[in-house]
Amino acid sequence: MNEQKMAVLIDADNVPYSSIKEMLEEVAKTGTPTIKRIYADWTKPNANGWKGVLLENAITPIQQYSYTSGKNSSDSALIIDAMDILYSQQVDGFCIVSSDSDFTRLATRLRESGKKVMGIGEKKTPLPFITACDKFVYIEILKPKPIPSKTETKQKLNKKEKEPLPMNKVDVSLVNLLKKSVSDLADDTGWTFLGELGNFLQKKQRDFDPRNYGFQKLLPLIKSTDEFEIDIRETANKNTKHIFVKLRNE
């Protein structure tokens, strides 16, 4: 199966440069980033932080002068490039890295043309842009946790320090979303395939991600609610197992 080719277009004015490596690794889970461009007025001091990571990650900087005070001129350059790439048929999908709602219409237009659109931005990203994407990932959950030294580990154990809190809590709203989704997909016996459930949840809620709740995968998140039965089934391939979930007391 051919892997999807992705165009990664980064709005340098609206995302931090410190997580660029993690952003590109996230894109790589979806496809191969064959086009990587970043837009900014590189004559400005606030763009200096990006310059050190561009060569390291093979990102092409696009110069866009700010002709008008208070306006983000990088937006128009990114949008024009996205449409040029769309018509050139070079890629299968796009990743727009920004926390700016100005790209809402662009994401919608790209999806109308049959392209998959992934968004990456900060928690402050407006909802219209999030929902315009097929999938949206928050930068905050991509930041790697520092590996503690042996001394730091002992200090943490002695002080019983807590891990940083996740962005969202596992609350009644989330549990109801999981229950309703499992119920919608369940077969005649009440079981739902976990892989299908994950895709369905993201269609319902574009920014759904177990990492938002402090879990690396969907299964541990579901187990934490204590509302579902789990069935792990063997397949013909010994290295592959299918996981099914079911509402309790059904």
Protein backbone atom coordinates (compact mmCIF):
# COMPACT_ATOMS: atom_id res chain seq x y z
CA MET A 1 0.00 0.00 0.00
CA ASN A 2 1.37 3.38 -0.99
CA GLU A 3 1.95 5.78 1.89
CA GLN A 4 0.21 9.13 1.75
CA LYS A 5 2.28 12.11 0.66
CA MET A 6 1.75 15.13 2.92
CA ALA A 7 2.37 18.85 2.52
CA VAL A 8 3.29 20.44 5.86
CA LEU A 9 2.66 24.20 5.91
CA ILE A 10 3.69 26.01 9.10
CA ASP A 11 2.52 29.43 10.25
CA ALA A 12 5.58 30.50 12.27
CA ASP A 13 3.71 33.43 13.84
CA ASN A 14 1.21 31.21 15.62
CA VAL A 15 3.07 28.15 16.89
CA PRO A 16 6.20 27.66 19.05
CA TYR A 17 9.40 26.43 17.43
CA SER A 18 10.42 24.30 20.45
CA SER A 19 8.18 21.37 19.45
CA ILE A 20 8.88 21.22 15.71
CA LYS A 21 10.53 17.78 15.90
CA GLU A 22 7.53 16.32 17.72
CA MET A 23 5.14 17.97 15.24
CA LEU A 24 6.87 16.35 12.26
CA GLU A 25 6.94 12.98 14.04
CA GLU A 26 3.19 13.30 14.52
CA VAL A 27 2.70 14.03 10.80
CA ALA A 28 4.82 10.97 9.96
CA LYS A 29 2.19 8.78 11.65
CA THR A 30 -0.26 9.86 8.94
CA GLY A 31 2.03 9.96 5.90
CA THR A 32 5.34 11.08 4.43
CA PRO A 33 5.92 14.88 4.61
CA THR A 34 7.24 15.45 1.07
CA ILE A 35 6.73 19.24 1.15
CA LYS A 36 7.70 21.21 4.27
CA ARG A 37 7.41 24.99 4.21
CA ILE A 38 7.30 27.63 6.92
CA TYR A 39 6.01 31.18 6.55
CA ALA A 40 7.19 34.30 8.39
CA ASP A 41 8.81 37.68 8.02
CA TRP A 42 12.35 36.42 8.64
CA THR A 43 13.68 39.98 8.99
CA LYS A 44 11.91 40.29 12.34
CA PRO A 45 13.69 39.39 15.61
CA ASN A 46 10.80 37.19 16.80
CA ALA A 47 11.51 34.75 13.94
CA ASN A 48 15.07 34.07 15.10
CA GLY A 49 14.08 31.07 17.19
CA TRP A 50 12.93 29.18 14.12
CA LYS A 51 16.13 29.66 12.14
CA GLY A 52 18.10 27.13 14.14
CA VAL A 53 15.66 24.27 13.47
CA LEU A 54 14.94 24.80 9.77
CA LEU A 55 18.04 23.13 8.33
CA GLU A 56 17.96 20.36 10.91
CA ASN A 57 14.42 19.41 9.84
CA ALA A 58 14.73 20.24 6.11
CA ILE A 59 12.02 22.90 6.19
CA THR A 60 11.96 25.52 3.44
CA PRO A 61 11.52 29.09 4.79
CA ILE A 62 9.22 31.36 2.80
CA GLN A 63 9.82 35.08 3.23
CA GLN A 64 6.70 37.20 3.57
CA TYR A 65 7.15 40.86 4.45
CA SER A 66 4.64 42.51 6.77
CA TYR A 67 3.42 45.44 4.73
CA THR A 68 0.65 46.44 7.15
CA SER A 69 0.93 46.77 10.91
CA GLY A 70 -1.26 44.35 12.83
CA LYS A 71 -1.80 42.01 9.88
CA ASN A 72 -0.35 38.52 9.54
CA SER A 73 0.86 38.51 5.94
CA SER A 74 2.09 34.94 6.28
CA ASP A 75 -1.54 33.78 6.15
CA SER A 76 -2.07 34.81 2.53
CA ALA A 77 1.25 33.33 1.38
CA LEU A 78 0.46 30.00 3.04
CA ILE A 79 -3.04 29.91 1.54
CA ILE A 80 -1.78 30.68 -1.98
CA ASP A 81 0.89 28.00 -1.73
CA ALA A 82 -1.65 25.47 -0.45
CA MET A 83 -3.91 26.06 -3.45
CA ASP A 84 -0.96 25.82 -5.85
CA ILE A 85 0.05 22.49 -4.29
CA LEU A 86 -3.56 21.29 -4.42
CA TYR A 87 -3.84 21.93 -8.16
CA SER A 88 -0.42 20.39 -8.85
CA GLN A 89 -1.70 17.06 -7.46
CA GLN A 90 1.65 16.43 -5.74
CA VAL A 91 0.22 15.30 -2.39
CA ASP A 92 -2.59 13.25 -0.88
CA GLY A 93 -3.07 15.41 2.20
CA PHE A 94 -2.12 18.57 4.06
CA CYS A 95 -0.99 19.41 7.57
CA ILE A 96 -1.61 23.04 8.56
CA VAL A 97 0.39 23.97 11.63
CA SER A 98 -1.20 27.03 13.20
CA SER A 99 -3.41 28.20 16.05
CA ASP A 100 -5.13 30.75 13.80
CA SER A 101 -8.79 30.48 12.77
CA ASP A 102 -7.98 32.30 9.50
CA PHE A 103 -7.18 28.90 7.98
CA THR A 104 -10.68 27.52 8.59
CA ARG A 105 -11.87 28.17 5.05
CA LEU A 106 -8.63 26.79 3.58
CA ALA A 107 -9.02 23.51 5.49
CA THR A 108 -12.63 23.24 4.35
CA ARG A 109 -11.68 23.92 0.71
CA LEU A 110 -8.91 21.30 0.74
CA ARG A 111 -11.28 18.69 2.15
CA GLU A 112 -13.87 19.58 -0.47
CA SER A 113 -11.22 18.61 -3.04
CA GLY A 114 -10.87 15.18 -1.48
CA LYS A 115 -7.67 15.86 0.47
CA LYS A 116 -7.13 14.77 4.06
CA VAL A 117 -6.40 17.74 6.32
CA MET A 118 -4.56 17.45 9.62
CA GLY A 119 -4.25 20.43 11.95
CA ILE A 120 -1.66 21.00 14.66
CA GLY A 121 -1.93 23.93 17.04
CA GLU A 122 -2.05 25.07 20.64
CA LYS A 123 -4.96 24.57 23.02
CA LYS A 124 -6.04 28.17 22.32
CA THR A 125 -6.90 27.27 18.69
CA PRO A 126 -10.47 28.39 17.87
CA LEU A 127 -13.06 25.63 17.43
CA PRO A 128 -13.99 26.49 13.80
CA PHE A 129 -10.47 25.65 12.57
CA ILE A 130 -10.37 22.46 14.64
CA THR A 131 -13.68 21.18 13.26
CA ALA A 132 -12.67 22.10 9.68
CA CYS A 133 -9.85 19.51 9.84
CA ASP A 134 -10.17 15.73 9.59
CA LYS A 135 -7.93 15.47 12.64
CA PHE A 136 -6.52 18.04 15.05
CA VAL A 137 -3.64 17.50 17.49
CA TYR A 138 -2.70 19.87 20.30
CA ILE A 139 0.96 20.83 20.54
CA GLU A 140 0.82 20.60 24.33
CA ILE A 141 0.48 16.80 24.26
CA LEU A 142 3.47 16.44 21.91
CA LYS A 143 6.01 17.96 24.29
CA PRO A 144 8.27 15.15 25.56
CA LYS A 145 8.70 14.64 29.29
CA PRO A 146 12.31 15.09 30.40
CA ILE A 147 14.05 11.89 31.46
CA PRO A 148 14.96 12.30 35.16
CA SER A 149 18.38 11.36 36.49
CA LYS A 150 18.70 8.75 39.24
CA THR A 151 19.05 11.50 41.82
CA GLU A 152 15.94 13.30 40.55
CA THR A 153 13.98 10.03 40.55
CA LYS A 154 14.90 9.39 44.21
CA GLN A 155 13.93 12.96 45.10
CA LYS A 156 10.57 12.54 43.42
CA LEU A 157 9.91 9.30 45.27
CA ASN A 158 10.84 10.92 48.57
CA LYS A 159 8.78 14.05 47.94
CA LYS A 160 5.95 12.11 46.22
CA GLU A 161 5.79 14.71 43.48
CA LYS A 162 2.82 14.48 41.14
CA GLU A 163 3.02 14.21 37.34
CA PRO A 164 1.78 17.24 35.38
CA LEU A 165 -2.00 17.18 35.01
CA PRO A 166 -3.46 16.27 31.59
CA MET A 167 -5.23 18.97 29.59
CA ASN A 168 -8.67 17.40 30.08
CA LYS A 169 -10.28 15.30 32.81
CA VAL A 170 -12.07 12.01 32.31
CA ASP A 171 -15.51 13.34 33.16
CA VAL A 172 -19.17 12.43 32.63
CA SER A 173 -19.21 14.10 29.20
CA LEU A 174 -16.33 11.94 27.94
CA VAL A 175 -17.78 8.74 29.41
CA ASN A 176 -21.12 9.47 27.72
CA LEU A 177 -19.33 10.08 24.41
CA LEU A 178 -17.57 6.72 24.71
CA LYS A 179 -20.76 4.90 25.70
CA LYS A 180 -22.80 6.40 22.87
CA SER A 181 -20.07 5.66 20.31
CA VAL A 182 -19.68 2.04 21.44
CA SER A 183 -23.45 1.62 21.33
CA ASP A 184 -23.66 3.12 17.82
CA LEU A 185 -21.04 0.71 16.43
CA ALA A 186 -21.93 -2.43 18.38
CA ASP A 187 -22.79 -5.64 16.54
CA ASP A 188 -25.72 -7.88 17.46
CA THR A 189 -23.82 -9.21 20.46
CA GLY A 190 -22.94 -5.73 21.75
CA TRP A 191 -19.22 -5.82 20.88
CA THR A 192 -17.38 -2.98 19.09
CA PHE A 193 -13.97 -3.24 17.40
CA LEU A 194 -11.54 -0.85 19.13
CA GLY A 195 -9.86 0.28 15.88
CA GLU A 196 -13.20 1.25 14.39
CA LEU A 197 -14.17 3.03 17.61
CA GLY A 198 -11.06 5.24 17.51
CA ASN A 199 -11.81 6.41 13.96
CA PHE A 200 -15.47 7.00 14.81
CA LEU A 201 -14.60 9.13 17.86
CA GLN A 202 -12.34 11.34 15.76
CA LYS A 203 -15.08 11.87 13.20
CA LYS A 204 -17.40 12.97 16.00
CA GLN A 205 -14.81 15.15 17.73
CA ARG A 206 -11.89 16.26 15.52
CA ASP A 207 -9.54 16.93 18.43
CA PHE A 208 -10.28 13.67 20.24
CA ASP A 209 -7.05 12.08 21.41
CA PRO A 210 -6.43 9.84 24.44
CA ARG A 211 -3.29 11.90 25.14
CA ASN A 212 -5.51 14.89 25.97
CA TYR A 213 -6.60 12.89 29.03
CA GLY A 214 -3.16 11.63 30.00
CA PHE A 215 -3.29 8.25 28.20
CA GLN A 216 -1.03 7.21 25.32
CA LYS A 217 -3.65 4.87 23.82
CA LEU A 218 -7.43 4.51 23.65
CA LEU A 219 -7.61 1.18 25.52
CA PRO A 220 -6.11 2.44 28.83
CA LEU A 221 -8.48 5.43 28.66
CA ILE A 222 -11.48 3.13 28.23
CA LYS A 223 -10.30 0.85 31.04
CA SER A 224 -9.96 3.83 33.40
CA THR A 225 -13.72 4.51 33.19
CA ASP A 226 -14.62 1.02 34.49
CA GLU A 227 -17.71 1.13 32.26
CA PHE A 228 -16.72 -1.41 29.60
CA GLU A 229 -15.89 -5.07 29.16
CA ILE A 230 -12.74 -5.86 27.17
CA ASP A 231 -12.26 -8.88 24.90
CA ILE A 232 -8.83 -9.54 23.31
CA ARG A 233 -9.17 -12.01 20.45
CA GLU A 234 -6.47 -14.05 18.77
CA THR A 235 -5.97 -13.85 14.99
CA ALA A 236 -4.22 -16.03 12.41
CA ASN A 237 -1.16 -13.83 12.94
CA LYS A 238 0.30 -14.56 16.38
CA ASN A 239 1.68 -11.01 16.59
CA THR A 240 -1.71 -9.42 15.94
CA LYS A 241 -4.67 -9.35 18.29
CA HIS A 242 -8.07 -7.72 17.84
CA ILE A 243 -9.52 -5.82 20.78
CA PHE A 244 -13.27 -5.44 21.26
CA VAL A 245 -15.16 -3.42 23.86
CA LYS A 246 -18.70 -3.69 25.20
CA LEU A 247 -20.86 -1.76 27.61
CA ARG A 248 -21.13 -3.49 31.00
CA ASN A 249 -24.38 -5.21 31.98
CA GLU A 250 -25.48 -5.77 28.40
